[in-house]
């Protein structure tokens, strides 16, 4: 399991980002979010703050969308 988004003060805990990731798949699972962090971070923003601001917001929007159904 990969948890992201906590902070050093412990006022924001990590949240589950991906479940059941094999060790050999870990770099590929993290590479996209780390690349975005490098490109999109705000000033000296920390990684946990970036995840809270960007990653969780986007995942929340995806989860809020109705499931798409396919017609046979």
Protein backbone atom coordinates (compact mmCIF):
# COMPACT_ATOMS: atom_id res chain seq x y z
CA UNK A 1 0.00 0.00 0.00
CA UNK A 2 1.14 3.54 -0.75
CA UNK A 3 0.05 6.33 1.59
CA UNK A 4 0.68 9.98 0.72
CA UNK A 5 -0.16 13.43 1.99
CA UNK A 6 0.75 13.60 5.67
CA UNK A 7 2.73 16.34 7.33
CA UNK A 8 5.53 16.44 9.89
CA UNK A 9 3.37 18.02 12.60
CA UNK A 10 0.91 15.13 12.42
CA UNK A 11 -2.02 17.48 11.89
CA UNK A 12 -2.71 15.86 8.51
CA UNK A 13 -2.40 12.11 8.18
CA UNK A 14 -1.40 10.13 5.13
CA UNK A 15 -4.19 8.74 2.98
CA UNK A 16 -4.24 5.62 0.85
CA UNK A 17 -3.08 6.43 -2.67
CA UNK A 18 -2.77 2.92 -4.13
CA UNK A 19 -3.57 -0.47 -2.72
CA UNK A 20 -1.78 -3.78 -3.28
CA UNK A 21 1.32 -2.45 -5.07
CA UNK A 22 4.11 -4.98 -5.50
CA UNK A 23 7.60 -3.85 -4.56
CA UNK A 24 8.84 -4.02 -8.13
CA UNK A 25 5.89 -1.82 -9.24
CA UNK A 26 6.54 0.89 -6.65
CA UNK A 27 8.73 3.15 -8.84
CA UNK A 28 6.17 3.11 -11.66
CA UNK A 29 3.34 3.83 -9.23
CA UNK A 30 5.12 6.86 -7.76
CA UNK A 31 6.88 8.26 -10.83
CA UNK A 32 3.86 10.18 -12.25
CA UNK A 33 2.96 11.90 -8.97
CA UNK A 34 6.59 12.75 -8.22
CA UNK A 35 7.04 14.18 -11.72
CA UNK A 36 3.96 16.33 -11.24
CA UNK A 37 5.28 17.49 -7.88
CA UNK A 38 8.52 18.66 -9.50
CA UNK A 39 6.60 20.53 -12.23
CA UNK A 40 3.61 21.90 -10.27
CA UNK A 41 4.71 22.53 -6.71
CA UNK A 42 4.03 26.00 -5.35
CA UNK A 43 7.31 27.62 -4.29
CA UNK A 44 8.87 25.60 -1.47
CA UNK A 45 5.73 23.48 -1.01
CA UNK A 46 6.38 20.12 0.64
CA UNK A 47 5.31 16.86 -0.99
CA UNK A 48 2.56 16.15 1.56
CA UNK A 49 1.12 19.62 1.07
CA UNK A 50 1.20 19.12 -2.70
CA UNK A 51 -0.65 15.82 -2.36
CA UNK A 52 -3.26 17.45 -0.16
CA UNK A 53 -3.72 20.38 -2.54
CA UNK A 54 -3.59 18.54 -5.88
CA UNK A 55 -3.72 14.75 -5.68
CA UNK A 56 -6.55 14.36 -3.16
CA UNK A 57 -8.59 17.08 -4.82
CA UNK A 58 -8.31 15.37 -8.21
CA UNK A 59 -9.00 11.90 -6.83
CA UNK A 60 -12.03 13.28 -4.98
CA UNK A 61 -13.38 14.71 -8.23
CA UNK A 62 -12.84 11.41 -10.02
CA UNK A 63 -14.59 9.48 -7.24
CA UNK A 64 -17.53 11.92 -7.30
CA UNK A 65 -18.21 11.33 -10.99
CA UNK A 66 -21.00 8.86 -11.75
CA UNK A 67 -19.85 5.48 -12.99
CA UNK A 68 -19.96 5.14 -16.74
CA UNK A 69 -21.94 2.26 -18.08
CA UNK A 70 -21.49 0.61 -21.40
CA UNK A 71 -24.36 -0.43 -23.59
CA UNK A 72 -24.31 -4.01 -24.94
